[in-house]
Amino acid sequence: MPVSKSEFDSLPPCDFYTPAELLEADQMYTVYEIARMLQGLEPDAEIEQETEAILLDWAIPWIMTNAAELVVAEPRSEDEPGYYGLKTDE
């Protein structure tokens, strides 16, 4: 059910990090790490599984939206996720 804007104390702009603001140029990250970082957490922060699922709902579209600025690496093993990194001129 929609809620009136007047019911909220603050309505900041819906700004997201750019890949260059979020990722280090020489590092590769899993979607789970990116999800944490988009929320201002450390990439290795311990969070509940339910919270992680919610954060992934934000991270996956962010990766898709910023795909032109990212590179991807296949998992190194079957039990590991893929990795994403900042596209550079290297």
PDB file of N, CA and C in Angstrom:
ATOM      1  N   MET A   1       0.843  -1.169   0.000  1.00  0.00           N
ATOM      2  CA  MET A   1       0.000   0.000   0.000  1.00  0.00           C
ATOM      3  C   MET A   1       0.895   1.241   0.000  1.00  0.00           C
ATOM      4  N   PRO A   2       0.680   2.183  -0.887  1.00  0.00           N
ATOM      5  CA  PRO A   2       1.484   3.407  -0.897  1.00  0.00           C
ATOM      6  C   PRO A   2       1.367   4.167   0.415  1.00  0.00           C
ATOM      7  N   VAL A   3       2.428   4.907   0.733  1.00  0.00           N
ATOM      8  CA  VAL A   3       2.498   5.685   1.961  1.00  0.00           C
ATOM      9  C   VAL A   3       2.806   7.133   1.593  1.00  0.00           C
ATOM     10  N   SER A   4       2.203   8.053   2.270  1.00  0.00           N
ATOM     11  CA  SER A   4       2.425   9.474   2.024  1.00  0.00           C
ATOM     12  C   SER A   4       3.867   9.864   2.359  1.00  0.00           C
ATOM     13  N   LYS A   5       4.458  10.693   1.531  1.00  0.00           N
ATOM     14  CA  LYS A   5       5.815  11.179   1.786  1.00  0.00           C
ATOM     15  C   LYS A   5       5.906  11.909   3.114  1.00  0.00           C
ATOM     16  N   SER A   6       4.830  12.517   3.531  1.00  0.00           N
ATOM     17  CA  SER A   6       4.833  13.284   4.781  1.00  0.00           C
ATOM     18  C   SER A   6       5.052  12.401   6.009  1.00  0.00           C
ATOM     19  N   GLU A   7       4.953  11.097   5.860  1.00  0.00           N
ATOM     20  CA  GLU A   7       5.162  10.189   6.988  1.00  0.00           C
ATOM     21  C   GLU A   7       6.643   9.928   7.270  1.00  0.00           C
ATOM     22  N   PHE A   8       7.533  10.460   6.433  1.00  0.00           N
ATOM     23  CA  PHE A   8       8.962  10.236   6.595  1.00  0.00           C
ATOM     24  C   PHE A   8       9.666  11.516   7.004  1.00  0.00           C
ATOM     25  N   ASP A   9      10.650  11.363   7.899  1.00  0.00           N
ATOM     26  CA  ASP A   9      11.427  12.516   8.375  1.00  0.00           C
ATOM     27  C   ASP A   9      12.376  13.050   7.309  1.00  0.00           C
ATOM     28  N   SER A  10      12.896  12.157   6.478  1.00  0.00           N
ATOM     29  CA  SER A  10      13.912  12.540   5.504  1.00  0.00           C
ATOM     30  C   SER A  10      13.697  11.761   4.212  1.00  0.00           C
ATOM     31  N   LEU A  11      13.929  12.440   3.084  1.00  0.00           N
ATOM     32  CA  LEU A  11      13.818  11.802   1.767  1.00  0.00           C
ATOM     33  C   LEU A  11      15.048  12.170   0.929  1.00  0.00           C
ATOM     34  N   PRO A  12      16.201  11.554   1.253  1.00  0.00           N
ATOM     35  CA  PRO A  12      17.417  11.869   0.492  1.00  0.00           C
ATOM     36  C   PRO A  12      17.318  11.328  -0.932  1.00  0.00           C
ATOM     37  N   PRO A  13      18.134  11.856  -1.851  1.00  0.00           N
ATOM     38  CA  PRO A  13      18.117  11.349  -3.226  1.00  0.00           C
ATOM     39  C   PRO A  13      18.541   9.880  -3.267  1.00  0.00           C
ATOM     40  N   CYS A  14      18.069   9.175  -4.249  1.00  0.00           N
ATOM     41  CA  CYS A  14      18.389   7.757  -4.431  1.00  0.00           C
ATOM     42  C   CYS A  14      19.636   7.652  -5.308  1.00  0.00           C
ATOM     43  N   ASP A  15      20.776   7.905  -4.701  1.00  0.00           N
ATOM     44  CA  ASP A  15      22.050   7.869  -5.418  1.00  0.00           C
ATOM     45  C   ASP A  15      22.766   6.568  -5.126  1.00  0.00           C
ATOM     46  N   PHE A  16      23.394   6.003  -6.149  1.00  0.00           N
ATOM     47  CA  PHE A  16      24.188   4.797  -5.986  1.00  0.00           C
ATOM     48  C   PHE A  16      25.630   5.108  -6.346  1.00  0.00           C
ATOM     49  N   TYR A  17      26.533   4.330  -5.795  1.00  0.00           N
ATOM     50  CA  TYR A  17      27.936   4.459  -6.152  1.00  0.00           C
ATOM     51  C   TYR A  17      28.127   4.141  -7.631  1.00  0.00           C
ATOM     52  N   THR A  18      29.095   4.813  -8.246  1.00  0.00           N
ATOM     53  CA  THR A  18      29.541   4.393  -9.563  1.00  0.00           C
ATOM     54  C   THR A  18      30.557   3.266  -9.341  1.00  0.00           C
ATOM     55  N   PRO A  19      30.811   2.449 -10.343  1.00  0.00           N
ATOM     56  CA  PRO A  19      31.830   1.411 -10.164  1.00  0.00           C
ATOM     57  C   PRO A  19      33.181   1.975  -9.712  1.00  0.00           C
ATOM     58  N   ALA A  20      33.590   3.099 -10.284  1.00  0.00           N
ATOM     59  CA  ALA A  20      34.879   3.688  -9.910  1.00  0.00           C
ATOM     60  C   ALA A  20      34.895   4.167  -8.462  1.00  0.00           C
ATOM     61  N   GLU A  21      33.756   4.568  -7.933  1.00  0.00           N
ATOM     62  CA  GLU A  21      33.682   4.989  -6.534  1.00  0.00           C
ATOM     63  C   GLU A  21      33.686   3.800  -5.575  1.00  0.00           C
ATOM     64  N   LEU A  22      33.165   2.672  -6.031  1.00  0.00           N
ATOM     65  CA  LEU A  22      32.974   1.520  -5.151  1.00  0.00           C
ATOM     66  C   LEU A  22      34.130   0.532  -5.175  1.00  0.00           C
ATOM     67  N   LEU A  23      34.693   0.278  -6.346  1.00  0.00           N
ATOM     68  CA  LEU A  23      35.652  -0.802  -6.514  1.00  0.00           C
ATOM     69  C   LEU A  23      37.081  -0.304  -6.678  1.00  0.00           C
ATOM     70  N   GLU A  24      38.025  -1.065  -6.132  1.00  0.00           N
ATOM     71  CA  GLU A  24      39.439  -0.783  -6.337  1.00  0.00           C
ATOM     72  C   GLU A  24      39.831  -1.339  -7.703  1.00  0.00           C
ATOM     73  N   ALA A  25      40.603  -0.592  -8.470  1.00  0.00           N
ATOM     74  CA  ALA A  25      40.933  -0.968  -9.850  1.00  0.00           C
ATOM     75  C   ALA A  25      41.694  -2.285  -9.960  1.00  0.00           C
ATOM     76  N   ASP A  26      42.445  -2.659  -8.939  1.00  0.00           N
ATOM     77  CA  ASP A  26      43.260  -3.873  -9.017  1.00  0.00           C
ATOM     78  C   ASP A  26      42.650  -5.065  -8.273  1.00  0.00           C
ATOM     79  N   GLN A  27      41.377  -4.985  -7.917  1.00  0.00           N
ATOM     80  CA  GLN A  27      40.726  -6.049  -7.162  1.00  0.00           C
ATOM     81  C   GLN A  27      39.516  -6.600  -7.914  1.00  0.00           C
ATOM     82  N   MET A  28      39.172  -7.849  -7.616  1.00  0.00           N
ATOM     83  CA  MET A  28      37.968  -8.484  -8.147  1.00  0.00           C
ATOM     84  C   MET A  28      37.087  -8.845  -6.955  1.00  0.00           C
ATOM     85  N   TYR A  29      35.774  -8.742  -7.128  1.00  0.00           N
ATOM     86  CA  TYR A  29      34.823  -8.912  -6.032  1.00  0.00           C
ATOM     87  C   TYR A  29      33.699  -9.864  -6.433  1.00  0.00           C
ATOM     88  N   THR A  30      33.184 -10.604  -5.459  1.00  0.00           N
ATOM     89  CA  THR A  30      32.001 -11.419  -5.696  1.00  0.00           C
ATOM     90  C   THR A  30      30.769 -10.524  -5.593  1.00  0.00           C
ATOM     91  N   VAL A  31      29.654 -10.996  -6.089  1.00  0.00           N
ATOM     92  CA  VAL A  31      28.409 -10.237  -5.977  1.00  0.00           C
ATOM     93  C   VAL A  31      28.049 -10.035  -4.508  1.00  0.00           C
ATOM     94  N   TYR A  32      28.419 -10.990  -3.659  1.00  0.00           N
ATOM     95  CA  TYR A  32      28.138 -10.876  -2.227  1.00  0.00           C
ATOM     96  C   TYR A  32      28.939  -9.735  -1.598  1.00  0.00           C
ATOM     97  N   GLU A  33      30.180  -9.602  -2.013  1.00  0.00           N
ATOM     98  CA  GLU A  33      31.020  -8.511  -1.508  1.00  0.00           C
ATOM     99  C   GLU A  33      30.512  -7.167  -2.015  1.00  0.00           C
ATOM    100  N   ILE A  34      30.145  -7.115  -3.280  1.00  0.00           N
ATOM    101  CA  ILE A  34      29.604  -5.879  -3.848  1.00  0.00           C
ATOM    102  C   ILE A  34      28.320  -5.492  -3.114  1.00  0.00           C
ATOM    103  N   ALA A  35      27.471  -6.464  -2.819  1.00  0.00           N
ATOM    104  CA  ALA A  35      26.225  -6.191  -2.104  1.00  0.00           C
ATOM    105  C   ALA A  35      26.502  -5.528  -0.758  1.00  0.00           C
ATOM    106  N   ARG A  36      27.475  -6.024  -0.034  1.00  0.00           N
ATOM    107  CA  ARG A  36      27.831  -5.424   1.256  1.00  0.00           C
ATOM    108  C   ARG A  36      28.360  -4.004   1.062  1.00  0.00           C
ATOM    109  N   MET A  37      29.266  -3.845   0.108  1.00  0.00           N
ATOM    110  CA  MET A  37      29.896  -2.545  -0.113  1.00  0.00           C
ATOM    111  C   MET A  37      28.884  -1.483  -0.537  1.00  0.00           C
ATOM    112  N   LEU A  38      27.875  -1.861  -1.303  1.00  0.00           N
ATOM    113  CA  LEU A  38      26.839  -0.900  -1.697  1.00  0.00           C
ATOM    114  C   LEU A  38      26.076  -0.362  -0.491  1.00  0.00           C
ATOM    115  N   GLN A  39      26.114  -1.087   0.610  1.00  0.00           N
ATOM    116  CA  GLN A  39      25.454  -0.663   1.835  1.00  0.00           C
ATOM    117  C   GLN A  39      26.431  -0.027   2.827  1.00  0.00           C
ATOM    118  N   GLY A  40      27.665   0.196   2.394  1.00  0.00           N
ATOM    119  CA  GLY A  40      28.656   0.826   3.255  1.00  0.00           C
ATOM    120  C   GLY A  40      29.335  -0.134   4.216  1.00  0.00           C
ATOM    121  N   LEU A  41      29.170  -1.437   3.993  1.00  0.00           N
ATOM    122  CA  LEU A  41      29.802  -2.444   4.841  1.00  0.00           C
ATOM    123  C   LEU A  41      31.128  -2.884   4.237  1.00  0.00           C
ATOM    124  N   GLU A  42      31.963  -3.501   5.053  1.00  0.00           N
ATOM    125  CA  GLU A  42      33.196  -4.093   4.554  1.00  0.00           C
ATOM    126  C   GLU A  42      32.836  -5.313   3.704  1.00  0.00           C
ATOM    127  N   PRO A  43      33.620  -5.624   2.683  1.00  0.00           N
ATOM    128  CA  PRO A  43      33.295  -6.761   1.814  1.00  0.00           C
ATOM    129  C   PRO A  43      33.178  -8.091   2.558  1.00  0.00           C
ATOM    130  N   ASP A  44      33.893  -8.236   3.666  1.00  0.00           N
ATOM    131  CA  ASP A  44      33.863  -9.493   4.416  1.00  0.00           C
ATOM    132  C   ASP A  44      33.006  -9.418   5.679  1.00  0.00           C
ATOM    133  N   ALA A  45      32.154  -8.402   5.767  1.00  0.00           N
ATOM    134  CA  ALA A  45      31.296  -8.242   6.946  1.00  0.00           C
ATOM    135  C   ALA A  45      30.389  -9.463   7.114  1.00  0.00           C
ATOM    136  N   GLU A  46      30.235  -9.898   8.357  1.00  0.00           N
ATOM    137  CA  GLU A  46      29.334 -11.001   8.676  1.00  0.00           C
ATOM    138  C   GLU A  46      27.913 -10.451   8.740  1.00  0.00           C
ATOM    139  N   ILE A  47      27.010 -11.011   7.933  1.00  0.00           N
ATOM    140  CA  ILE A  47      25.612 -10.596   7.962  1.00  0.00           C
ATOM    141  C   ILE A  47      24.736 -11.838   7.919  1.00  0.00           C
ATOM    142  N   GLU A  48      23.514 -11.690   8.370  1.00  0.00           N
ATOM    143  CA  GLU A  48      22.586 -12.810   8.363  1.00  0.00           C
ATOM    144  C   GLU A  48      22.207 -13.164   6.924  1.00  0.00           C
ATOM    145  N   GLN A  49      21.886 -14.424   6.706  1.00  0.00           N
ATOM    146  CA  GLN A  49      21.563 -14.899   5.361  1.00  0.00           C
ATOM    147  C   GLN A  49      20.356 -14.163   4.791  1.00  0.00           C
ATOM    148  N   GLU A  50      19.364 -13.862   5.621  1.00  0.00           N
ATOM    149  CA  GLU A  50      18.175 -13.143   5.157  1.00  0.00           C
ATOM    150  C   GLU A  50      18.543 -11.728   4.699  1.00  0.00           C
ATOM    151  N   THR A  51      19.447 -11.098   5.430  1.00  0.00           N
ATOM    152  CA  THR A  51      19.910  -9.758   5.066  1.00  0.00           C
ATOM    153  C   THR A  51      20.692  -9.811   3.764  1.00  0.00           C
ATOM    154  N   GLU A  52      21.528 -10.833   3.626  1.00  0.00           N
ATOM    155  CA  GLU A  52      22.310 -10.977   2.407  1.00  0.00           C
ATOM    156  C   GLU A  52      21.405 -11.123   1.180  1.00  0.00           C
ATOM    157  N   ALA A  53      20.326 -11.862   1.316  1.00  0.00           N
ATOM    158  CA  ALA A  53      19.384 -12.037   0.207  1.00  0.00           C
ATOM    159  C   ALA A  53      18.781 -10.701  -0.208  1.00  0.00           C
ATOM    160  N   ILE A  54      18.472  -9.863   0.760  1.00  0.00           N
ATOM    161  CA  ILE A  54      17.914  -8.540   0.459  1.00  0.00           C
ATOM    162  C   ILE A  54      18.966  -7.672  -0.231  1.00  0.00           C
ATOM    163  N   LEU A  55      20.200  -7.715   0.263  1.00  0.00           N
ATOM    164  CA  LEU A  55      21.263  -6.912  -0.338  1.00  0.00           C
ATOM    165  C   LEU A  55      21.549  -7.344  -1.769  1.00  0.00           C
ATOM    166  N   LEU A  56      21.418  -8.638  -2.044  1.00  0.00           N
ATOM    167  CA  LEU A  56      21.620  -9.121  -3.413  1.00  0.00           C
ATOM    168  C   LEU A  56      20.571  -8.548  -4.361  1.00  0.00           C
ATOM    169  N   ASP A  57      19.373  -8.287  -3.839  1.00  0.00           N
ATOM    170  CA  ASP A  57      18.330  -7.673  -4.661  1.00  0.00           C
ATOM    171  C   ASP A  57      18.747  -6.294  -5.162  1.00  0.00           C
ATOM    172  N   TRP A  58      19.658  -5.640  -4.459  1.00  0.00           N
ATOM    173  CA  TRP A  58      20.196  -4.344  -4.889  1.00  0.00           C
ATOM    174  C   TRP A  58      21.428  -4.518  -5.756  1.00  0.00           C
ATOM    175  N   ALA A  59      22.260  -5.482  -5.410  1.00  0.00           N
ATOM    176  CA  ALA A  59      23.552  -5.625  -6.081  1.00  0.00           C
ATOM    177  C   ALA A  59      23.431  -6.162  -7.501  1.00  0.00           C
ATOM    178  N   ILE A  60      22.568  -7.119  -7.727  1.00  0.00           N
ATOM    179  CA  ILE A  60      22.464  -7.720  -9.060  1.00  0.00           C
ATOM    180  C   ILE A  60      22.041  -6.694 -10.112  1.00  0.00           C
ATOM    181  N   PRO A  61      20.998  -5.891  -9.876  1.00  0.00           N
ATOM    182  CA  PRO A  61      20.674  -4.851 -10.875  1.00  0.00           C
ATOM    183  C   PRO A  61      21.787  -3.811 -11.025  1.00  0.00           C
ATOM    184  N   TRP A  62      22.506  -3.510  -9.935  1.00  0.00           N
ATOM    185  CA  TRP A  62      23.613  -2.547 -10.004  1.00  0.00           C
ATOM    186  C   TRP A  62      24.684  -3.087 -10.946  1.00  0.00           C
ATOM    187  N   ILE A  63      25.008  -4.362 -10.822  1.00  0.00           N
ATOM    188  CA  ILE A  63      26.008  -4.974 -11.708  1.00  0.00           C
ATOM    189  C   ILE A  63      25.517  -4.929 -13.154  1.00  0.00           C
ATOM    190  N   MET A  64      24.279  -5.269 -13.377  1.00  0.00           N
ATOM    191  CA  MET A  64      23.739  -5.269 -14.742  1.00  0.00           C
ATOM    192  C   MET A  64      23.719  -3.858 -15.329  1.00  0.00           C
ATOM    193  N   THR A  65      23.326  -2.885 -14.546  1.00  0.00           N
ATOM    194  CA  THR A  65      23.268  -1.498 -15.008  1.00  0.00           C
ATOM    195  C   THR A  65      24.650  -0.958 -15.338  1.00  0.00           C
ATOM    196  N   ASN A  66      25.659  -1.396 -14.597  1.00  0.00           N
ATOM    197  CA  ASN A  66      27.024  -0.891 -14.767  1.00  0.00           C
ATOM    198  C   ASN A  66      27.923  -1.858 -15.524  1.00  0.00           C
ATOM    199  N   ALA A  67      27.351  -2.810 -16.232  1.00  0.00           N
ATOM    200  CA  ALA A  67      28.123  -3.861 -16.906  1.00  0.00           C
ATOM    201  C   ALA A  67      29.184  -3.298 -17.860  1.00  0.00           C
ATOM    202  N   ALA A  68      28.905  -2.191 -18.514  1.00  0.00           N
ATOM    203  CA  ALA A  68      29.863  -1.621 -19.468  1.00  0.00           C
ATOM    204  C   ALA A  68      31.140  -1.144 -18.787  1.00  0.00           C
ATOM    205  N   GLU A  69      31.082  -0.914 -17.479  1.00  0.00           N
ATOM    206  CA  GLU A  69      32.249  -0.428 -16.737  1.00  0.00           C
ATOM    207  C   GLU A  69      32.934  -1.539 -15.941  1.00  0.00           C
ATOM    208  N   LEU A  70      32.482  -2.781 -16.130  1.00  0.00           N
ATOM    209  CA  LEU A  70      32.988  -3.897 -15.335  1.00  0.00           C
ATOM    210  C   LEU A  70      33.588  -4.986 -16.215  1.00  0.00           C
ATOM    211  N   VAL A  71      34.452  -5.781 -15.611  1.00  0.00           N
ATOM    212  CA  VAL A  71      34.949  -7.021 -16.209  1.00  0.00           C
ATOM    213  C   VAL A  71      34.477  -8.155 -15.311  1.00  0.00           C
ATOM    214  N   VAL A  72      34.445  -9.363 -15.878  1.00  0.00           N
ATOM    215  CA  VAL A  72      33.984 -10.519 -15.120  1.00  0.00           C
ATOM    216  C   VAL A  72      35.000 -11.644 -15.249  1.00  0.00           C
ATOM    217  N   ALA A  73      35.165 -12.406 -14.169  1.00  0.00           N
ATOM    218  CA  ALA A  73      36.048 -13.568 -14.179  1.00  0.00           C
ATOM    219  C   ALA A  73      35.242 -14.786 -13.758  1.00  0.00           C
ATOM    220  N   GLU A  74      35.445 -15.869 -14.452  1.00  0.00           N
ATOM    221  CA  GLU A  74      34.776 -17.121 -14.123  1.00  0.00           C
ATOM    222  C   GLU A  74      35.229 -17.597 -12.743  1.00  0.00           C
ATOM    223  N   PRO A  75      34.395 -18.365 -12.074  1.00  0.00           N
ATOM    224  CA  PRO A  75      34.816 -18.939 -10.789  1.00  0.00           C
ATOM    225  C   PRO A  75      36.068 -19.789 -10.967  1.00  0.00           C
ATOM    226  N   ARG A  76      36.919 -19.780  -9.966  1.00  0.00           N
ATOM    227  CA  ARG A  76      38.145 -20.582 -10.026  1.00  0.00           C
ATOM    228  C   ARG A  76      37.874 -22.046  -9.709  1.00  0.00           C
ATOM    229  N   SER A  77      36.732 -22.310  -9.059  1.00  0.00           N
ATOM    230  CA  SER A  77      36.330 -23.684  -8.756  1.00  0.00           C
ATOM    231  C   SER A  77      34.805 -23.753  -8.763  1.00  0.00           C
ATOM    232  N   GLU A  78      34.272 -24.970  -8.749  1.00  0.00           N
ATOM    233  CA  GLU A  78      32.816 -25.145  -8.829  1.00  0.00           C
ATOM    234  C   GLU A  78      32.072 -24.600  -7.615  1.00  0.00           C
ATOM    235  N   ASP A  79      32.736 -24.517  -6.477  1.00  0.00           N
ATOM    236  CA  ASP A  79      32.071 -24.058  -5.261  1.00  0.00           C
ATOM    237  C   ASP A  79      32.320 -22.575  -4.972  1.00  0.00           C
ATOM    238  N   GLU A  80      32.793 -21.845  -5.965  1.00  0.00           N
ATOM    239  CA  GLU A  80      33.110 -20.432  -5.808  1.00  0.00           C
ATOM    240  C   GLU A  80      32.264 -19.601  -6.779  1.00  0.00           C
ATOM    241  N   PRO A  81      31.837 -18.403  -6.365  1.00  0.00           N
ATOM    242  CA  PRO A  81      31.083 -17.543  -7.293  1.00  0.00           C
ATOM    243  C   PRO A  81      32.026 -16.871  -8.294  1.00  0.00           C
ATOM    244  N   GLY A  82      31.432 -16.239  -9.294  1.00  0.00           N
ATOM    245  CA  GLY A  82      32.223 -15.442 -10.228  1.00  0.00           C
ATOM    246  C   GLY A  82      32.699 -14.156  -9.565  1.00  0.00           C
ATOM    247  N   TYR A  83      33.545 -13.441 -10.257  1.00  0.00           N
ATOM    248  CA  TYR A  83      34.105 -12.198  -9.732  1.00  0.00           C
ATOM    249  C   TYR A  83      33.881 -11.069 -10.721  1.00  0.00           C
ATOM    250  N   TYR A  84      33.731  -9.868 -10.189  1.00  0.00           N
ATOM    251  CA  TYR A  84      33.545  -8.667 -10.984  1.00  0.00           C
ATOM    252  C   TYR A  84      34.592  -7.644 -10.562  1.00  0.00           C
ATOM    253  N   GLY A  85      35.045  -6.869 -11.532  1.00  0.00           N
ATOM    254  CA  GLY A  85      36.025  -5.840 -11.249  1.00  0.00           C
ATOM    255  C   GLY A  85      35.817  -4.643 -12.144  1.00  0.00           C
ATOM    256  N   LEU A  86      36.510  -3.601 -11.827  1.00  0.00           N
ATOM    257  CA  LEU A  86      36.449  -2.356 -12.571  1.00  0.00           C
ATOM    258  C   LEU A  86      37.219  -2.499 -13.878  1.00  0.00           C
ATOM    259  N   LYS A  87      36.601  -2.157 -15.000  1.00  0.00           N
ATOM    260  CA  LYS A  87      37.271  -2.195 -16.296  1.00  0.00           C
ATOM    261  C   LYS A  87      38.306  -1.073 -16.317  1.00  0.00           C
ATOM    262  N   THR A  88      39.524  -1.429 -16.705  1.00  0.00           N
ATOM    263  CA  THR A  88      40.599  -0.452 -16.801  1.00  0.00           C
ATOM    264  C   THR A  88      41.245  -0.546 -18.178  1.00  0.00           C
ATOM    265  N   ASP A  89      42.150   0.353 -18.463  1.00  0.00           N
ATOM    266  CA  ASP A  89      42.838   0.370 -19.757  1.00  0.00           C
ATOM    267  C   ASP A  89      43.943  -0.666 -19.863  1.00  0.00           C
ATOM    268  N   GLU A  90      44.208  -1.391 -18.792  1.00  0.00           N
ATOM    269  CA  GLU A  90      45.302  -2.377 -18.776  1.00  0.00           C
ATOM    270  C   GLU A  90      45.035  -3.525 -19.699  1.00  0.00           C
TER     271      GLU A  90
END
